[in-house]
Amino acid sequence: MSAIKSKSDRLARLIGIGSIRIRLLWTFAASIAAGLAAAYLVPLLLPRVPHYGVFAVPLSFTLFAAGFLGAFYGLTRGSIRYLLRLKDDLDAMAGGDLAHRLDAGRRDELGYVAGYINAMAEQLETRIRAERQSEQAKLELITGISHGLRTPLTSMLGYLELLRGRAYRDEEERERFLANTYSKAVQLKSRIDDLFDYTRLSASEARLQPARIDLRELVRQLLAEFEPLAAEQGLSVAARLPADGLELTLDPGLVSRAIDNLLTNALKYADKPGIVRLRLAAADGRAVLEVENRGAPIGPEQEARLFERFYKADAARSPASSVGGPGGAGLGLSIAREIARLHGGRLGLTYRDGNYRFALELPMD
């Protein structure tokens, strides 16, 4: 089979399929042959006329030129039409239609050039698309920061205005205004801290402070803090931890933050009353922590964007709030994923019919 293909390739090169220069040589030779044939054969077919010898040389030259030009035009017509199509296609690309592609079906240099131009256009289109996405991400970042900080700040200013104008009925209402103002200030600080943490973790110079810890004990401590909060909202916790310790080298502060974000996310969006399931196990050289709960359904687009910073899934996950929850800036899952990435792990979501299972994977030594 390879021998047949090799012979076919040699034949293609010989007749000029893969080379414009060889094709032009064959075209030129064929045109000369056509001109000579016309100059020689046509006079033989013409009847003898008086004084034919006087016109023999001019007639032969004319017939040669006509045969040569006709053959040359016919044999080069396909290439010229292809060049004209390339010109029209390049005009379309130059006009901004980078999705347009050239016909690269030829097997000669023109086909190669068309293929290179298509590859260049695709790379340019990819870069432009990436730049547009980057600009859109910057706009979303600015919008998310503005919205996340403006909401509690507006509430604080409202309560402070009431307090400054003494627009309260009694000391009890005054204390309530003060408590609400303090709560909004704490919320504002929390959002600023989230933004600072996400920016720091996303930066290339982010550094871990690793230590050898027992991940099982760390999870137990976090569960001890989480279970009372869950019980207040009608949630029970079902935890399944390994019988033996699970020692890893990691940044305990950051990993605690990632796990806490996952538990807080479940606390905000789980169906109430309901149950939050937590499982910790070792598998394939990795420690896998799963947090699972049932909640309001979401669509495929929302599922795909759930880890994006500041992404708001409207009321799809919670009737009272968007992703990020009451008092959240929509950065909890993004921060958790960045922490996993910094440790060489990953954070993923398995979603099906309102059931959410987040899996945090961390490499073991």
Protein backbone atom coordinates (compact mmCIF):
# COMPACT_ATOMS: atom_id res chain seq x y z
CA MET A 1 0.00 0.00 0.00
CA SER A 2 2.85 2.37 0.88
CA ALA A 3 4.59 1.52 -2.41
CA ILE A 4 1.47 2.46 -4.36
CA LYS A 5 1.20 5.72 -2.43
CA SER A 6 4.89 6.48 -3.06
CA LYS A 7 4.44 5.92 -6.80
CA SER A 8 1.34 8.11 -6.74
CA ASP A 9 3.25 10.92 -5.00
CA ARG A 10 6.11 10.71 -7.52
CA LEU A 11 3.64 10.81 -10.40
CA ALA A 12 1.87 13.82 -8.84
CA ARG A 13 5.19 15.68 -8.51
CA LEU A 14 6.17 14.74 -12.05
CA ILE A 15 3.00 16.15 -13.62
CA GLY A 16 3.14 19.25 -11.41
CA ILE A 17 0.23 18.69 -9.01
CA GLY A 18 2.39 19.63 -6.02
CA SER A 19 4.47 22.40 -7.60
CA ILE A 20 3.47 25.55 -9.44
CA ARG A 21 6.86 25.77 -11.16
CA ILE A 22 6.62 22.28 -12.67
CA ARG A 23 3.03 22.94 -13.65
CA LEU A 24 4.06 26.17 -15.41
CA LEU A 25 6.81 24.31 -17.25
CA TRP A 26 4.33 21.69 -18.41
CA THR A 27 1.86 24.43 -19.35
CA PHE A 28 4.50 26.27 -21.35
CA ALA A 29 5.60 23.08 -23.11
CA ALA A 30 2.01 22.07 -23.89
CA SER A 31 1.25 25.56 -25.23
CA ILE A 32 4.28 25.45 -27.56
CA ALA A 33 3.21 22.01 -28.74
CA ALA A 34 -0.32 23.31 -29.40
CA GLY A 35 1.08 26.30 -31.32
CA LEU A 36 3.35 24.13 -33.47
CA ALA A 37 0.51 21.73 -34.15
CA ALA A 38 -1.75 24.59 -35.26
CA ALA A 39 1.00 26.10 -37.45
CA TYR A 40 1.73 22.76 -39.11
CA LEU A 41 -1.62 20.99 -39.35
CA VAL A 42 -4.02 23.81 -40.22
CA PRO A 43 -2.28 24.75 -43.52
CA LEU A 44 -2.37 21.10 -44.53
CA LEU A 45 -6.13 21.11 -44.15
CA LEU A 46 -6.62 24.35 -46.10
CA PRO A 47 -7.25 24.09 -49.86
CA ARG A 48 -4.47 25.32 -52.10
CA VAL A 49 -5.04 28.93 -53.04
CA PRO A 50 -3.16 31.13 -55.51
CA HIS A 51 -0.08 32.83 -54.12
CA TYR A 52 -0.31 30.74 -50.95
CA GLY A 53 3.44 30.82 -50.55
CA VAL A 54 3.37 34.57 -50.02
CA PHE A 55 1.17 34.16 -46.97
CA ALA A 56 2.65 30.90 -45.67
CA VAL A 57 5.05 32.40 -43.12
CA PRO A 58 2.68 35.05 -41.66
CA LEU A 59 -0.14 32.51 -41.54
CA SER A 60 1.99 29.92 -39.78
CA PHE A 61 3.17 32.47 -37.22
CA THR A 62 -0.40 33.64 -36.62
CA LEU A 63 -1.62 30.09 -36.21
CA PHE A 64 1.27 29.30 -33.83
CA ALA A 65 0.50 32.36 -31.70
CA ALA A 66 -3.21 31.56 -31.64
CA GLY A 67 -2.59 27.94 -30.66
CA PHE A 68 -0.02 28.89 -28.02
CA LEU A 69 -2.17 31.60 -26.42
CA GLY A 70 -5.33 29.51 -26.54
CA ALA A 71 -3.68 26.53 -24.90
CA PHE A 72 -1.88 28.70 -22.32
CA TYR A 73 -5.13 30.48 -21.42
CA GLY A 74 -7.05 27.23 -21.11
CA LEU A 75 -4.38 25.50 -19.02
CA THR A 76 -3.86 28.44 -16.63
CA ARG A 77 -7.52 29.39 -16.32
CA GLY A 78 -8.06 27.28 -13.18
CA SER A 79 -5.06 28.79 -11.37
CA ILE A 80 -6.09 32.35 -12.30
CA ARG A 81 -9.63 31.78 -11.08
CA TYR A 82 -8.21 30.35 -7.83
CA LEU A 83 -6.02 33.45 -7.39
CA LEU A 84 -9.05 35.69 -7.94
CA ARG A 85 -10.97 33.74 -5.28
CA LEU A 86 -8.03 34.15 -2.91
CA LYS A 87 -8.08 37.87 -3.58
CA ASP A 88 -11.80 38.08 -2.75
CA ASP A 89 -11.31 35.98 0.40
CA LEU A 90 -8.39 38.15 1.55
CA ASP A 91 -10.50 41.26 0.97
CA ALA A 92 -13.18 39.74 3.23
CA MET A 93 -10.59 39.06 5.94
CA ALA A 94 -9.12 42.53 5.59
CA GLY A 95 -12.63 43.90 6.06
CA GLY A 96 -12.78 42.33 9.53
CA ASP A 97 -14.37 38.95 8.80
CA LEU A 98 -11.72 36.83 10.53
CA ALA A 99 -14.08 33.85 10.59
CA HIS A 100 -13.77 33.68 6.79
CA ARG A 101 -11.44 30.96 5.50
CA LEU A 102 -9.53 30.49 2.26
CA ASP A 103 -9.87 27.42 0.06
CA ALA A 104 -6.74 25.44 0.96
CA GLY A 105 -7.66 22.35 -1.04
CA ARG A 106 -4.87 22.68 -3.62
CA ARG A 107 -1.76 20.57 -3.16
CA ASP A 108 0.73 23.13 -4.45
CA GLU A 109 2.37 26.25 -2.99
CA LEU A 110 -0.83 28.29 -3.33
CA GLY A 111 -2.68 25.74 -1.21
CA TYR A 112 0.08 25.85 1.40
CA VAL A 113 -0.05 29.65 1.51
CA ALA A 114 -3.84 29.54 1.89
CA GLY A 115 -3.47 27.05 4.75
CA TYR A 116 -0.92 29.28 6.52
CA ILE A 117 -3.19 32.31 6.12
CA ASN A 118 -6.10 30.32 7.57
CA ALA A 119 -3.96 29.30 10.55
CA MET A 120 -2.82 32.91 11.05
CA ALA A 121 -6.44 34.15 10.87
CA GLU A 122 -7.53 31.53 13.40
CA GLN A 123 -4.76 32.51 15.82
CA LEU A 124 -5.59 36.19 15.38
CA GLU A 125 -9.29 35.49 15.94
CA THR A 126 -8.46 33.50 19.08
CA ARG A 127 -6.30 36.35 20.44
CA ILE A 128 -8.96 38.95 19.70
CA ARG A 129 -11.59 36.77 21.38
CA ALA A 130 -9.31 36.35 24.41
CA GLU A 131 -8.76 40.12 24.60
CA ARG A 132 -12.51 40.73 24.44
CA GLN A 133 -13.10 38.16 27.16
CA SER A 134 -10.41 39.81 29.24
CA GLU A 135 -12.04 43.21 28.80
CA GLN A 136 -15.43 41.72 29.67
CA ALA A 137 -13.93 40.10 32.76
CA LYS A 138 -12.50 43.46 33.83
CA LEU A 139 -15.91 45.10 33.41
CA GLU A 140 -17.58 42.30 35.37
CA LEU A 141 -14.93 42.63 38.07
CA ILE A 142 -15.52 46.37 38.40
CA THR A 143 -19.29 45.85 38.38
CA GLY A 144 -19.05 43.07 40.96
CA ILE A 145 -16.82 45.12 43.27
CA SER A 146 -19.07 48.16 42.96
CA HIS A 147 -22.23 46.20 43.66
CA GLY A 148 -20.70 44.15 46.45
CA LEU A 149 -19.40 47.19 48.32
CA ARG A 150 -22.22 49.61 47.55
CA THR A 151 -25.04 47.53 49.06
CA PRO A 152 -23.80 47.36 52.69
CA LEU A 153 -22.32 50.86 52.46
CA THR A 154 -25.68 52.29 51.37
CA SER A 155 -27.39 50.56 54.31
CA MET A 156 -24.77 51.89 56.72
CA LEU A 157 -25.24 55.45 55.48
CA GLY A 158 -29.01 55.08 55.84
CA TYR A 159 -28.80 53.94 59.44
CA LEU A 160 -26.18 56.57 60.29
CA GLU A 161 -28.40 59.26 58.82
CA LEU A 162 -31.28 58.08 61.02
CA LEU A 163 -29.00 58.07 64.06
CA ARG A 164 -27.58 61.51 63.31
CA GLY A 165 -31.07 62.94 62.89
CA ARG A 166 -32.26 61.13 66.06
CA ALA A 167 -35.03 59.54 64.01
CA TYR A 168 -35.69 56.76 66.51
CA ARG A 169 -38.54 56.37 68.96
CA ASP A 170 -36.65 55.02 71.97
CA GLU A 171 -33.35 53.61 73.14
CA GLU A 172 -34.35 50.11 72.03
CA GLU A 173 -34.78 51.27 68.43
CA ARG A 174 -31.54 53.22 68.66
CA GLU A 175 -29.70 50.10 69.79
CA ARG A 176 -31.26 48.17 66.90
CA PHE A 177 -30.05 50.84 64.43
CA LEU A 178 -26.56 50.63 65.92
CA ALA A 179 -26.58 46.83 65.75
CA ASN A 180 -27.68 46.90 62.10
CA THR A 181 -25.01 49.47 61.27
CA TYR A 182 -22.37 47.32 62.94
CA SER A 183 -23.65 44.23 61.09
CA LYS A 184 -23.39 46.04 57.75
CA ALA A 185 -19.88 47.25 58.62
CA VAL A 186 -18.84 43.66 59.38
CA GLN A 187 -20.42 42.56 56.10
CA LEU A 188 -18.52 45.26 54.22
CA LYS A 189 -15.25 44.22 55.85
CA SER A 190 -15.96 40.59 54.98
CA ARG A 191 -16.47 41.47 51.32
CA ILE A 192 -13.29 43.54 51.22
CA ASP A 193 -11.39 40.66 52.84
CA ASP A 194 -12.82 38.24 50.26
CA LEU A 195 -11.75 40.50 47.43
CA PHE A 196 -8.28 40.93 48.91
CA ASP A 197 -7.90 37.16 49.45
CA TYR A 198 -9.04 36.32 45.93
CA THR A 199 -6.67 38.90 44.41
CA ARG A 200 -3.78 37.63 46.51
CA LEU A 201 -4.48 33.97 45.71
CA SER A 202 -4.88 34.67 41.98
CA ALA A 203 -1.58 36.53 41.77
CA SER A 204 1.42 34.63 40.44
CA GLU A 205 3.47 35.55 43.51
CA ALA A 206 1.06 33.85 45.94
CA ARG A 207 2.99 31.67 48.38
CA LEU A 208 1.86 28.83 50.62
CA GLN A 209 2.90 28.30 54.24
CA PRO A 210 2.91 24.50 54.31
CA ALA A 211 2.79 22.41 57.45
CA ARG A 212 2.27 18.75 58.24
CA ILE A 213 -1.27 18.35 59.60
CA ASP A 214 -3.95 15.70 60.09
CA LEU A 215 -6.70 16.65 57.65
CA ARG A 216 -9.23 14.50 59.50
CA GLU A 217 -8.74 16.47 62.71
CA LEU A 218 -8.95 19.76 60.83
CA VAL A 219 -12.28 18.73 59.33
CA ARG A 220 -13.54 17.66 62.77
CA GLN A 221 -12.74 21.08 64.22
CA LEU A 222 -14.54 22.86 61.37
CA LEU A 223 -17.56 20.55 61.76
CA ALA A 224 -17.74 21.34 65.48
CA GLU A 225 -18.14 25.02 64.55
CA PHE A 226 -20.49 24.35 61.65
CA GLU A 227 -23.02 21.95 63.22
CA PRO A 228 -24.61 24.49 65.64
CA LEU A 229 -25.08 26.99 62.81
CA ALA A 230 -26.62 24.29 60.63
CA ALA A 231 -28.97 23.18 63.41
CA GLU A 232 -30.24 26.76 63.80
CA GLN A 233 -31.39 26.66 60.15
CA GLY A 234 -32.95 23.21 60.29
CA LEU A 235 -30.02 21.33 58.77
CA SER A 236 -28.45 18.14 60.07
CA VAL A 237 -24.91 17.08 59.25
CA ALA A 238 -23.94 13.54 58.27
CA ALA A 239 -20.16 13.20 58.32
CA ARG A 240 -18.17 10.15 57.27
CA LEU A 241 -14.50 10.42 58.19
CA PRO A 242 -11.73 7.81 57.92
CA ALA A 243 -10.94 5.74 60.99
CA ASP A 244 -7.26 6.62 60.83
CA GLY A 245 -5.63 9.99 60.52
CA LEU A 246 -4.98 11.53 57.11
CA GLU A 247 -1.71 13.45 57.23
CA LEU A 248 -0.88 15.90 54.45
CA THR A 249 1.54 18.75 53.88
CA LEU A 250 -0.51 21.83 53.12
CA ASP A 251 -1.29 25.38 54.19
CA PRO A 252 -3.68 24.82 57.11
CA GLY A 253 -5.07 28.35 57.07
CA LEU A 254 -5.92 28.32 53.38
CA VAL A 255 -7.33 24.78 53.39
CA SER A 256 -9.48 25.68 56.40
CA ARG A 257 -10.75 28.66 54.43
CA ALA A 258 -11.60 26.45 51.42
CA ILE A 259 -13.49 23.88 53.52
CA ASP A 260 -15.29 26.62 55.46
CA ASN A 261 -16.38 28.21 52.18
CA LEU A 262 -17.84 24.90 51.00
CA LEU A 263 -19.71 24.38 54.27
CA THR A 264 -20.97 27.98 54.24
CA ASN A 265 -22.14 27.52 50.68
CA ALA A 266 -24.12 24.44 51.72
CA LEU A 267 -25.53 26.34 54.70
CA LYS A 268 -26.83 29.10 52.45
CA TYR A 269 -28.31 27.06 49.63
CA ALA A 270 -29.34 23.68 51.02
CA ASP A 271 -33.05 22.90 51.17
CA LYS A 272 -34.31 23.53 54.69
CA PRO A 273 -35.05 21.36 56.54
CA GLY A 274 -32.49 19.10 55.01
CA ILE A 275 -29.19 17.34 55.39
CA VAL A 276 -25.60 18.22 54.51
CA ARG A 277 -23.38 15.21 53.84
CA LEU A 278 -19.61 15.37 54.26
CA ARG A 279 -17.21 12.60 53.29
CA LEU A 280 -13.43 12.48 53.60
CA ALA A 281 -11.37 9.67 52.09
CA ALA A 282 -8.07 8.91 50.37
CA ALA A 283 -8.16 7.70 46.77
CA ASP A 284 -5.46 7.38 44.09
CA GLY A 285 -2.87 9.36 46.00
CA ARG A 286 -5.27 12.19 46.81
CA ALA A 287 -7.34 13.25 49.78
CA VAL A 288 -10.91 13.85 48.61
CA LEU A 289 -13.37 15.91 50.66
CA GLU A 290 -16.97 15.92 49.41
CA VAL A 291 -19.73 18.26 50.58
CA GLU A 292 -23.18 17.31 49.29
CA ASN A 293 -26.62 18.84 49.68
CA ARG A 294 -29.89 19.28 47.85
CA GLY A 295 -30.97 22.72 46.68
CA ALA A 296 -32.90 24.65 44.08
CA PRO A 297 -32.23 23.47 40.49
CA ILE A 298 -29.97 25.42 38.15
CA GLY A 299 -29.45 25.35 34.39
CA PRO A 300 -26.36 24.17 32.45
CA GLU A 301 -25.06 27.73 31.95
CA GLN A 302 -25.34 28.49 35.66
CA GLU A 303 -23.61 25.21 36.51
CA ALA A 304 -20.73 26.04 34.16
CA ARG A 305 -20.27 29.51 35.64
CA LEU A 306 -20.78 28.70 39.31
CA PHE A 307 -17.08 29.08 40.14
CA GLU A 308 -16.69 32.42 38.35
CA ARG A 309 -15.89 35.41 40.54
CA PHE A 310 -18.86 37.65 41.28
CA TYR A 311 -21.13 35.43 39.18
CA LYS A 312 -24.76 35.88 40.17
CA ALA A 313 -27.17 33.05 39.42
CA ASP A 314 -30.12 35.29 40.31
CA ALA A 315 -32.72 33.46 42.37
CA ALA A 316 -32.04 30.05 40.85
CA ARG A 317 -30.20 28.65 43.85
CA SER A 318 -31.82 30.61 46.61
CA PRO A 319 -35.15 32.41 46.70
CA ALA A 320 -33.65 35.15 48.83
CA SER A 321 -30.25 35.70 47.30
CA SER A 322 -27.83 35.08 44.52
CA VAL A 323 -24.60 33.13 44.45
CA GLY A 324 -22.55 34.49 47.27
CA GLY A 325 -25.59 34.49 49.53
CA PRO A 326 -26.78 37.05 51.98
CA GLY A 327 -23.80 39.16 52.84
CA GLY A 328 -21.64 37.37 50.23
CA ALA A 329 -19.79 38.81 47.28
CA GLY A 330 -19.91 35.73 45.08
CA LEU A 331 -16.25 34.90 45.76
CA GLY A 332 -16.48 31.94 48.14
CA LEU A 333 -16.30 29.16 45.56
CA SER A 334 -13.76 31.09 43.47
CA ILE A 335 -11.48 31.43 46.50
CA ALA A 336 -11.87 27.73 47.34
CA ARG A 337 -10.95 26.75 43.79
CA GLU A 338 -7.86 29.01 43.82
CA ILE A 339 -6.74 27.45 47.11
CA ALA A 340 -7.10 23.98 45.61
CA ARG A 341 -5.14 25.05 42.53
CA LEU A 342 -2.30 26.47 44.63
CA HIS A 343 -1.98 23.08 46.36
CA GLY A 344 -1.87 21.24 43.04
CA GLY A 345 -5.40 19.95 43.53
CA ARG A 346 -8.80 20.79 42.13
CA LEU A 347 -12.31 21.69 43.17
CA GLY A 348 -15.14 20.31 41.07
CA LEU A 349 -18.91 20.09 41.08
CA THR A 350 -21.13 17.15 40.22
CA TYR A 351 -24.70 18.36 39.78
CA ARG A 352 -27.84 16.40 38.96
CA ASP A 353 -31.50 17.31 39.47
CA GLY A 354 -30.96 19.70 42.36
CA ASN A 355 -28.27 17.59 44.06
CA TYR A 356 -24.92 19.40 44.51
CA ARG A 357 -21.73 17.52 45.32
CA PHE A 358 -18.56 19.59 45.61
CA ALA A 359 -15.33 17.58 45.66
CA LEU A 360 -12.11 19.12 46.96
CA GLU A 361 -9.08 17.06 45.93
CA LEU A 362 -5.67 17.61 47.51
CA PRO A 363 -2.50 15.68 46.59
CA MET A 364 -0.96 13.46 49.27
CA ASP A 365 2.77 13.07 49.73
